[in-house]
């Protein structure tokens, strides 16, 4: 795990299971690696922060190496660090539940631009660092800040040109 890698996580707890049910995917969380043992993340109950990371705490972890340069990795880190202290966007989670239950389409109307969820924090860091463009990902048919962890996984794993 290297700085700038994207870390997709399937947790063990009820919160993780609920997230995966609503998101319909394998992952419940996503973060950015800043070293082999630390990540920067936005998680329920906290603000964006750096914390120790141990894969043993989770059911499953997949690290996605975007095959970017050392400078690009530093740019991702710098972009993520700028968000440290940003509050978690609890209200945005309500939209995901409503979207799942009622089949709603379109932009997340409950997305607070001052707060972030995990996938939003990662997307913003990648976007600000210019990584999405270098991967051939353009926000033409979607709004990246509305992506769930599993939608972000599909985007960086299967849609990108790398």
N, C-alpha and C. Protein backbone atom coordinates (compact mmCIF):
# COMPACT_ATOMS: atom_id res chain seq x y z
N UNK A 1 0.85 -1.17 0.00
CA UNK A 1 0.00 0.00 0.00
C UNK A 1 0.90 1.23 0.00
N UNK A 2 0.68 2.08 -1.01
CA UNK A 2 1.52 3.27 -1.15
C UNK A 2 0.66 4.53 -1.12
N UNK A 3 1.30 5.63 -0.78
CA UNK A 3 0.61 6.93 -0.78
C UNK A 3 -0.11 7.12 -2.12
N UNK A 4 -1.38 7.51 -2.03
CA UNK A 4 -2.17 7.76 -3.23
C UNK A 4 -2.99 6.57 -3.71
N UNK A 5 -2.71 5.38 -3.17
CA UNK A 5 -3.55 4.23 -3.51
C UNK A 5 -4.94 4.44 -2.91
N UNK A 6 -5.95 3.84 -3.54
CA UNK A 6 -7.31 3.94 -3.05
C UNK A 6 -7.63 2.63 -2.34
N UNK A 7 -8.10 2.73 -1.10
CA UNK A 7 -8.33 1.56 -0.26
C UNK A 7 -9.83 1.35 -0.10
N UNK A 8 -10.33 0.26 -0.67
CA UNK A 8 -11.75 -0.10 -0.56
C UNK A 8 -11.90 -1.15 0.52
N UNK A 9 -12.89 -0.95 1.38
CA UNK A 9 -13.00 -1.74 2.61
C UNK A 9 -14.41 -2.31 2.76
N UNK A 10 -14.47 -3.57 3.20
CA UNK A 10 -15.73 -4.17 3.65
C UNK A 10 -15.57 -4.43 5.14
N UNK A 11 -16.29 -3.66 5.93
CA UNK A 11 -16.20 -3.79 7.38
C UNK A 11 -16.97 -4.98 7.90
N UNK A 12 -16.85 -5.21 9.21
CA UNK A 12 -17.48 -6.36 9.85
C UNK A 12 -18.80 -6.03 10.55
N UNK A 13 -19.02 -4.77 10.87
CA UNK A 13 -20.15 -4.41 11.73
C UNK A 13 -21.46 -4.17 11.01
N UNK A 14 -22.47 -3.85 11.80
CA UNK A 14 -23.82 -3.58 11.31
C UNK A 14 -23.84 -2.39 10.37
N UNK A 15 -23.10 -1.33 10.70
CA UNK A 15 -23.02 -0.14 9.84
C UNK A 15 -22.52 -0.53 8.45
N UNK A 16 -21.55 -1.39 8.39
CA UNK A 16 -21.00 -1.85 7.12
C UNK A 16 -22.03 -2.66 6.33
N UNK A 17 -22.71 -3.54 7.02
CA UNK A 17 -23.72 -4.37 6.35
C UNK A 17 -24.85 -3.51 5.81
N UNK A 18 -25.28 -2.53 6.56
CA UNK A 18 -26.34 -1.63 6.12
C UNK A 18 -25.88 -0.82 4.90
N UNK A 19 -24.66 -0.33 4.95
CA UNK A 19 -24.11 0.44 3.82
C UNK A 19 -24.08 -0.42 2.56
N UNK A 20 -23.62 -1.66 2.69
CA UNK A 20 -23.56 -2.54 1.52
C UNK A 20 -24.95 -2.90 1.00
N UNK A 21 -25.91 -3.02 1.89
CA UNK A 21 -27.28 -3.29 1.47
C UNK A 21 -27.83 -2.13 0.64
N UNK A 22 -27.65 -0.93 1.13
CA UNK A 22 -28.14 0.25 0.43
C UNK A 22 -27.36 0.48 -0.87
N UNK A 23 -26.07 0.27 -0.83
CA UNK A 23 -25.19 0.53 -1.97
C UNK A 23 -25.16 -0.64 -2.96
N UNK A 24 -25.64 -1.79 -2.53
CA UNK A 24 -25.68 -3.00 -3.38
C UNK A 24 -24.31 -3.38 -3.90
N UNK A 25 -23.34 -3.43 -3.03
CA UNK A 25 -22.00 -3.78 -3.47
C UNK A 25 -21.18 -4.45 -2.40
N UNK A 26 -19.95 -4.73 -2.74
CA UNK A 26 -19.04 -5.47 -1.86
C UNK A 26 -18.40 -4.60 -0.79
N UNK A 27 -18.35 -3.28 -1.01
CA UNK A 27 -17.60 -2.40 -0.12
C UNK A 27 -18.52 -1.47 0.66
N UNK A 28 -18.06 -1.11 1.85
CA UNK A 28 -18.83 -0.19 2.69
C UNK A 28 -18.07 1.09 2.98
N UNK A 29 -16.82 1.17 2.54
CA UNK A 29 -16.00 2.32 2.89
C UNK A 29 -14.86 2.43 1.88
N UNK A 30 -14.32 3.65 1.76
CA UNK A 30 -13.16 3.88 0.90
C UNK A 30 -12.31 4.98 1.53
N UNK A 31 -11.00 4.87 1.36
CA UNK A 31 -10.07 5.84 1.93
C UNK A 31 -8.88 5.98 0.99
N UNK A 32 -7.99 6.89 1.32
CA UNK A 32 -6.76 7.10 0.55
C UNK A 32 -5.58 6.70 1.43
N UNK A 33 -4.72 5.84 0.88
CA UNK A 33 -3.51 5.45 1.61
C UNK A 33 -2.54 6.62 1.64
N UNK A 34 -1.93 6.83 2.79
CA UNK A 34 -0.87 7.83 2.86
C UNK A 34 0.47 7.19 3.21
N UNK A 35 0.42 5.91 3.61
CA UNK A 35 1.61 5.10 3.82
C UNK A 35 1.14 3.65 3.88
N UNK A 36 2.04 2.73 4.18
CA UNK A 36 1.62 1.33 4.27
C UNK A 36 0.80 1.04 5.52
N UNK A 37 0.72 2.00 6.44
CA UNK A 37 -0.03 1.75 7.68
C UNK A 37 -0.96 2.89 8.08
N UNK A 38 -1.12 3.90 7.23
CA UNK A 38 -2.00 5.03 7.55
C UNK A 38 -2.87 5.38 6.36
N UNK A 39 -4.09 5.83 6.68
CA UNK A 39 -5.03 6.27 5.66
C UNK A 39 -5.60 7.63 6.07
N UNK A 40 -6.15 8.32 5.08
CA UNK A 40 -6.93 9.52 5.36
C UNK A 40 -8.35 9.16 4.93
N UNK A 41 -9.32 9.45 5.81
CA UNK A 41 -10.68 9.01 5.55
C UNK A 41 -11.70 9.97 6.13
N UNK A 42 -12.91 9.82 5.63
CA UNK A 42 -14.09 10.46 6.20
C UNK A 42 -14.98 9.32 6.66
N UNK A 43 -15.26 9.26 7.95
CA UNK A 43 -16.03 8.15 8.48
C UNK A 43 -17.10 8.65 9.43
N UNK A 44 -18.17 7.88 9.55
CA UNK A 44 -19.27 8.23 10.46
C UNK A 44 -18.71 8.45 11.86
N UNK A 45 -19.14 9.53 12.49
CA UNK A 45 -18.72 9.82 13.85
C UNK A 45 -17.43 10.61 13.96
N UNK A 46 -16.82 10.92 12.80
CA UNK A 46 -15.57 11.68 12.83
C UNK A 46 -15.57 12.72 11.72
N UNK A 47 -14.58 13.55 11.73
CA UNK A 47 -14.31 14.45 10.61
C UNK A 47 -13.23 13.78 9.76
N UNK A 48 -12.95 14.35 8.61
CA UNK A 48 -11.87 13.80 7.79
C UNK A 48 -10.60 13.83 8.63
N UNK A 49 -9.91 12.69 8.67
CA UNK A 49 -8.72 12.59 9.52
C UNK A 49 -7.78 11.50 9.02
N UNK A 50 -6.57 11.53 9.56
CA UNK A 50 -5.57 10.50 9.30
C UNK A 50 -5.64 9.52 10.46
N UNK A 51 -5.59 8.24 10.14
CA UNK A 51 -5.59 7.25 11.22
C UNK A 51 -4.78 6.02 10.83
N UNK A 52 -4.40 5.27 11.84
CA UNK A 52 -3.69 4.01 11.61
C UNK A 52 -4.62 3.05 10.89
N UNK A 53 -4.05 2.21 10.04
CA UNK A 53 -4.86 1.27 9.28
C UNK A 53 -4.31 -0.14 9.44
N UNK A 54 -5.20 -1.06 9.80
CA UNK A 54 -4.84 -2.46 9.90
C UNK A 54 -5.89 -3.29 9.17
N UNK A 55 -5.52 -3.92 8.06
CA UNK A 55 -6.48 -4.72 7.29
C UNK A 55 -7.16 -5.81 8.11
N UNK A 56 -6.52 -6.25 9.18
CA UNK A 56 -7.10 -7.32 10.01
C UNK A 56 -8.41 -6.90 10.68
N UNK A 57 -8.66 -5.59 10.77
CA UNK A 57 -9.89 -5.09 11.40
C UNK A 57 -11.11 -5.28 10.51
N UNK A 58 -10.92 -5.69 9.26
CA UNK A 58 -12.01 -5.71 8.29
C UNK A 58 -12.20 -7.10 7.70
N UNK A 59 -13.38 -7.34 7.11
CA UNK A 59 -13.65 -8.60 6.42
C UNK A 59 -12.83 -8.71 5.15
N UNK A 60 -12.72 -7.58 4.44
CA UNK A 60 -12.02 -7.60 3.15
C UNK A 60 -11.51 -6.21 2.83
N UNK A 61 -10.33 -6.14 2.25
CA UNK A 61 -9.72 -4.88 1.83
C UNK A 61 -9.15 -5.09 0.43
N UNK A 62 -9.43 -4.14 -0.45
CA UNK A 62 -8.80 -4.16 -1.78
C UNK A 62 -8.13 -2.81 -2.01
N UNK A 63 -6.85 -2.85 -2.28
CA UNK A 63 -6.08 -1.64 -2.56
C UNK A 63 -5.96 -1.49 -4.07
N UNK A 64 -6.44 -0.36 -4.58
CA UNK A 64 -6.38 -0.10 -6.02
C UNK A 64 -5.22 0.86 -6.28
N UNK A 65 -4.24 0.36 -7.00
CA UNK A 65 -3.09 1.17 -7.42
C UNK A 65 -3.46 1.79 -8.77
N UNK A 66 -3.59 3.09 -8.81
CA UNK A 66 -3.99 3.78 -10.03
C UNK A 66 -2.84 3.93 -11.02
N UNK A 67 -1.68 3.40 -10.66
CA UNK A 67 -0.49 3.46 -11.53
C UNK A 67 -0.15 4.90 -11.92
N UNK A 68 -0.08 5.73 -10.90
CA UNK A 68 0.23 7.14 -11.10
C UNK A 68 1.66 7.41 -10.63
N UNK A 69 2.19 8.54 -11.04
CA UNK A 69 3.58 8.88 -10.72
C UNK A 69 3.72 9.26 -9.25
N UNK A 70 4.94 9.35 -8.79
CA UNK A 70 5.21 9.77 -7.41
C UNK A 70 4.67 11.18 -7.18
N UNK A 71 4.86 12.07 -8.15
CA UNK A 71 4.33 13.43 -8.02
C UNK A 71 2.81 13.41 -7.92
N UNK A 72 2.15 12.61 -8.74
CA UNK A 72 0.69 12.52 -8.69
C UNK A 72 0.22 11.96 -7.35
N UNK A 73 0.96 11.00 -6.82
CA UNK A 73 0.63 10.44 -5.50
C UNK A 73 0.70 11.54 -4.43
N UNK A 74 1.72 12.38 -4.53
CA UNK A 74 1.86 13.49 -3.58
C UNK A 74 0.72 14.49 -3.76
N UNK A 75 0.32 14.73 -5.01
CA UNK A 75 -0.79 15.65 -5.28
C UNK A 75 -2.09 15.12 -4.67
N UNK A 76 -2.33 13.81 -4.77
CA UNK A 76 -3.53 13.21 -4.16
C UNK A 76 -3.48 13.42 -2.65
N UNK A 77 -2.33 13.13 -2.06
CA UNK A 77 -2.14 13.32 -0.62
C UNK A 77 -2.41 14.78 -0.23
N UNK A 78 -1.79 15.71 -0.95
CA UNK A 78 -1.96 17.13 -0.63
C UNK A 78 -3.42 17.56 -0.74
N UNK A 79 -4.11 17.07 -1.75
CA UNK A 79 -5.53 17.40 -1.93
C UNK A 79 -6.37 16.83 -0.78
N UNK A 80 -6.06 15.62 -0.37
CA UNK A 80 -6.81 15.00 0.74
C UNK A 80 -6.54 15.71 2.06
N UNK A 81 -5.30 16.06 2.30
CA UNK A 81 -4.92 16.73 3.55
C UNK A 81 -5.67 18.06 3.71
N UNK A 82 -5.94 18.73 2.59
CA UNK A 82 -6.69 20.00 2.65
C UNK A 82 -8.09 19.81 3.22
N UNK A 83 -8.60 18.58 3.19
CA UNK A 83 -9.95 18.32 3.70
C UNK A 83 -9.98 17.86 5.15
N UNK A 84 -8.81 17.70 5.77
CA UNK A 84 -8.79 17.29 7.18
C UNK A 84 -9.62 18.27 8.00
N UNK A 85 -10.47 17.71 8.84
CA UNK A 85 -11.34 18.52 9.69
C UNK A 85 -12.73 18.73 9.11
N UNK A 86 -12.93 18.38 7.84
CA UNK A 86 -14.25 18.52 7.22
C UNK A 86 -15.22 17.56 7.88
N UNK A 87 -16.42 18.04 8.17
CA UNK A 87 -17.43 17.22 8.83
C UNK A 87 -17.97 16.13 7.91
N UNK A 88 -18.50 15.08 8.54
CA UNK A 88 -19.14 13.99 7.81
C UNK A 88 -20.53 14.42 7.38
N UNK A 89 -20.95 14.02 6.18
CA UNK A 89 -22.24 14.43 5.63
C UNK A 89 -23.31 13.36 5.89
N UNK A 90 -23.86 13.37 7.09
CA UNK A 90 -24.88 12.39 7.47
C UNK A 90 -26.13 12.50 6.59
N UNK A 91 -26.51 13.71 6.24
CA UNK A 91 -27.74 13.91 5.48
C UNK A 91 -27.63 13.26 4.09
N UNK A 92 -26.43 13.26 3.54
CA UNK A 92 -26.24 12.64 2.23
C UNK A 92 -26.60 11.16 2.28
N UNK A 93 -26.38 10.51 3.40
CA UNK A 93 -26.72 9.09 3.53
C UNK A 93 -28.23 8.87 3.40
N UNK A 94 -29.01 9.84 3.86
CA UNK A 94 -30.47 9.74 3.73
C UNK A 94 -30.85 9.64 2.26
N UNK A 95 -30.19 10.44 1.42
CA UNK A 95 -30.47 10.39 -0.01
C UNK A 95 -30.23 9.00 -0.57
N UNK A 96 -29.14 8.37 -0.18
CA UNK A 96 -28.84 7.03 -0.70
C UNK A 96 -29.94 6.04 -0.29
N UNK A 97 -30.41 6.16 0.94
CA UNK A 97 -31.52 5.31 1.39
C UNK A 97 -32.78 5.57 0.59
N UNK A 98 -33.12 6.85 0.39
CA UNK A 98 -34.31 7.21 -0.38
C UNK A 98 -34.18 6.75 -1.84
N UNK A 99 -32.99 6.90 -2.38
CA UNK A 99 -32.75 6.48 -3.76
C UNK A 99 -32.98 4.98 -3.92
N UNK A 100 -32.51 4.24 -2.94
CA UNK A 100 -32.66 2.77 -2.97
C UNK A 100 -34.12 2.36 -2.79
N UNK A 101 -34.79 2.95 -1.82
CA UNK A 101 -36.17 2.57 -1.50
C UNK A 101 -37.15 2.99 -2.60
N UNK A 102 -37.01 4.22 -3.08
CA UNK A 102 -37.98 4.76 -4.03
C UNK A 102 -37.50 4.80 -5.48
N UNK A 103 -36.29 4.35 -5.73
CA UNK A 103 -35.77 4.33 -7.10
C UNK A 103 -35.55 5.71 -7.68
N UNK A 104 -35.19 6.67 -6.82
CA UNK A 104 -34.99 8.05 -7.27
C UNK A 104 -33.78 8.14 -8.21
N UNK A 105 -33.84 9.06 -9.11
CA UNK A 105 -32.76 9.30 -10.08
C UNK A 105 -32.26 10.73 -9.93
N UNK A 106 -31.13 11.02 -10.53
CA UNK A 106 -30.62 12.39 -10.57
C UNK A 106 -29.63 12.68 -9.46
N UNK A 107 -29.25 13.96 -9.38
CA UNK A 107 -28.26 14.41 -8.40
C UNK A 107 -28.78 14.26 -6.98
N UNK A 108 -27.86 14.06 -6.08
CA UNK A 108 -28.19 13.95 -4.66
C UNK A 108 -28.60 15.33 -4.15
N UNK A 109 -29.86 15.51 -3.93
CA UNK A 109 -30.39 16.81 -3.49
C UNK A 109 -30.05 17.12 -2.03
N UNK A 110 -29.54 16.13 -1.32
CA UNK A 110 -29.22 16.33 0.10
C UNK A 110 -27.71 16.41 0.34
N UNK A 111 -26.94 16.58 -0.71
CA UNK A 111 -25.49 16.65 -0.58
C UNK A 111 -25.09 18.04 -0.10
N UNK A 112 -24.58 18.12 1.12
CA UNK A 112 -24.13 19.39 1.69
C UNK A 112 -22.71 19.67 1.18
N UNK A 113 -22.49 20.77 0.47
CA UNK A 113 -21.16 21.04 -0.10
C UNK A 113 -20.08 21.31 0.94
N UNK A 114 -20.46 21.50 2.19
CA UNK A 114 -19.46 21.76 3.25
C UNK A 114 -19.03 20.49 3.97
N UNK A 115 -19.73 19.38 3.73
CA UNK A 115 -19.46 18.11 4.41
C UNK A 115 -19.21 17.03 3.37
N UNK A 116 -18.57 15.93 3.76
CA UNK A 116 -18.26 14.86 2.81
C UNK A 116 -18.48 13.48 3.43
N UNK A 117 -18.81 12.52 2.56
CA UNK A 117 -18.75 11.11 2.94
C UNK A 117 -17.46 10.55 2.37
N UNK A 118 -17.16 9.31 2.67
CA UNK A 118 -15.86 8.74 2.29
C UNK A 118 -15.60 8.79 0.79
N UNK A 119 -16.54 8.32 -0.02
CA UNK A 119 -16.32 8.28 -1.46
C UNK A 119 -16.23 9.67 -2.07
N UNK A 120 -16.97 10.59 -1.49
CA UNK A 120 -16.92 11.99 -1.95
C UNK A 120 -15.54 12.59 -1.66
N UNK A 121 -15.01 12.33 -0.47
CA UNK A 121 -13.69 12.85 -0.10
C UNK A 121 -12.62 12.31 -1.06
N UNK A 122 -12.69 11.02 -1.37
CA UNK A 122 -11.71 10.41 -2.28
C UNK A 122 -11.87 11.00 -3.68
N UNK A 123 -13.09 11.10 -4.17
CA UNK A 123 -13.33 11.64 -5.50
C UNK A 123 -12.81 13.07 -5.62
N UNK A 124 -13.10 13.90 -4.62
CA UNK A 124 -12.64 15.29 -4.64
C UNK A 124 -11.11 15.36 -4.66
N UNK A 125 -10.47 14.54 -3.83
CA UNK A 125 -8.99 14.55 -3.80
C UNK A 125 -8.42 14.15 -5.16
N UNK A 126 -8.99 13.11 -5.78
CA UNK A 126 -8.52 12.67 -7.09
C UNK A 126 -8.77 13.74 -8.15
N UNK A 127 -9.92 14.39 -8.07
CA UNK A 127 -10.26 15.43 -9.03
C UNK A 127 -9.35 16.64 -8.89
N UNK A 128 -9.17 17.12 -7.67
CA UNK A 128 -8.31 18.29 -7.44
C UNK A 128 -6.87 18.04 -7.85
N UNK A 129 -6.43 16.79 -7.71
CA UNK A 129 -5.06 16.43 -8.06
C UNK A 129 -4.89 16.19 -9.56
N UNK A 130 -5.99 16.24 -10.31
CA UNK A 130 -5.93 16.03 -11.75
C UNK A 130 -5.84 14.58 -12.16
N UNK A 131 -6.04 13.67 -11.23
CA UNK A 131 -5.89 12.24 -11.51
C UNK A 131 -7.02 11.71 -12.39
N UNK A 132 -8.23 12.16 -12.15
CA UNK A 132 -9.36 11.65 -12.92
C UNK A 132 -9.16 11.93 -14.41
N UNK A 133 -8.71 13.13 -14.69
CA UNK A 133 -8.47 13.50 -16.09
C UNK A 133 -7.41 12.60 -16.71
N UNK A 134 -6.33 12.33 -15.96
CA UNK A 134 -5.26 11.48 -16.49
C UNK A 134 -5.72 10.03 -16.66
N UNK A 135 -6.77 9.64 -15.93
CA UNK A 135 -7.33 8.30 -16.07
C UNK A 135 -8.39 8.23 -17.17
N UNK A 136 -8.68 9.38 -17.77
CA UNK A 136 -9.68 9.42 -18.82
C UNK A 136 -11.11 9.47 -18.31
N UNK A 137 -11.27 9.89 -17.05
CA UNK A 137 -12.59 9.97 -16.45
C UNK A 137 -13.06 11.41 -16.47
N UNK A 138 -14.20 11.64 -17.09
CA UNK A 138 -14.78 12.98 -17.14
C UNK A 138 -16.19 12.95 -16.57
N UNK A 139 -16.52 13.99 -15.83
CA UNK A 139 -17.85 14.09 -15.23
C UNK A 139 -18.85 14.65 -16.25
N UNK A 140 -19.24 13.82 -17.19
CA UNK A 140 -20.20 14.30 -18.18
C UNK A 140 -21.60 13.73 -17.91
N UNK A 141 -21.68 12.48 -17.51
CA UNK A 141 -22.97 11.84 -17.29
C UNK A 141 -23.26 11.54 -15.83
N UNK A 142 -22.45 12.05 -14.95
CA UNK A 142 -22.63 11.80 -13.52
C UNK A 142 -21.99 12.93 -12.74
N UNK A 143 -22.31 12.98 -11.46
CA UNK A 143 -21.69 13.94 -10.55
C UNK A 143 -20.88 13.13 -9.54
N UNK A 144 -19.58 13.22 -9.63
CA UNK A 144 -18.69 12.40 -8.82
C UNK A 144 -18.89 12.52 -7.33
N UNK A 145 -19.31 13.71 -6.88
CA UNK A 145 -19.49 13.89 -5.44
C UNK A 145 -20.71 13.13 -4.93
N UNK A 146 -21.51 12.56 -5.83
CA UNK A 146 -22.67 11.77 -5.43
C UNK A 146 -22.41 10.27 -5.46
N UNK A 147 -21.20 9.85 -5.81
CA UNK A 147 -20.90 8.43 -5.92
C UNK A 147 -20.83 7.75 -4.55
N UNK A 148 -21.27 6.51 -4.53
CA UNK A 148 -21.11 5.67 -3.34
C UNK A 148 -19.75 4.97 -3.42
N UNK A 149 -19.30 4.32 -2.35
CA UNK A 149 -18.02 3.60 -2.43
C UNK A 149 -17.97 2.60 -3.59
N UNK A 150 -19.05 1.86 -3.81
CA UNK A 150 -19.04 0.85 -4.88
C UNK A 150 -19.09 1.47 -6.26
N UNK A 151 -19.79 2.58 -6.41
CA UNK A 151 -19.79 3.29 -7.69
C UNK A 151 -18.41 3.86 -7.98
N UNK A 152 -17.74 4.37 -6.96
CA UNK A 152 -16.37 4.88 -7.14
C UNK A 152 -15.43 3.73 -7.50
N UNK A 153 -15.61 2.58 -6.86
CA UNK A 153 -14.79 1.40 -7.17
C UNK A 153 -14.92 1.06 -8.66
N UNK A 154 -16.17 0.97 -9.14
CA UNK A 154 -16.38 0.65 -10.55
C UNK A 154 -15.72 1.68 -11.46
N UNK A 155 -15.80 2.94 -11.07
CA UNK A 155 -15.22 4.02 -11.88
C UNK A 155 -13.71 3.88 -11.99
N UNK A 156 -13.02 3.71 -10.87
CA UNK A 156 -11.55 3.67 -10.93
C UNK A 156 -11.03 2.30 -11.37
N UNK A 157 -11.79 1.27 -11.14
CA UNK A 157 -11.32 -0.08 -11.47
C UNK A 157 -11.63 -0.47 -12.92
N UNK A 158 -12.81 -0.10 -13.41
CA UNK A 158 -13.25 -0.59 -14.71
C UNK A 158 -13.42 0.47 -15.79
N UNK A 159 -13.73 1.71 -15.39
CA UNK A 159 -14.00 2.74 -16.38
C UNK A 159 -12.72 3.47 -16.79
N UNK A 160 -11.79 3.60 -15.84
CA UNK A 160 -10.56 4.36 -16.13
C UNK A 160 -9.76 3.67 -17.23
N UNK A 161 -8.93 4.45 -17.89
CA UNK A 161 -8.12 3.94 -19.00
C UNK A 161 -6.88 3.19 -18.53
N UNK A 162 -6.61 3.19 -17.22
CA UNK A 162 -5.39 2.52 -16.73
C UNK A 162 -5.71 1.17 -16.16
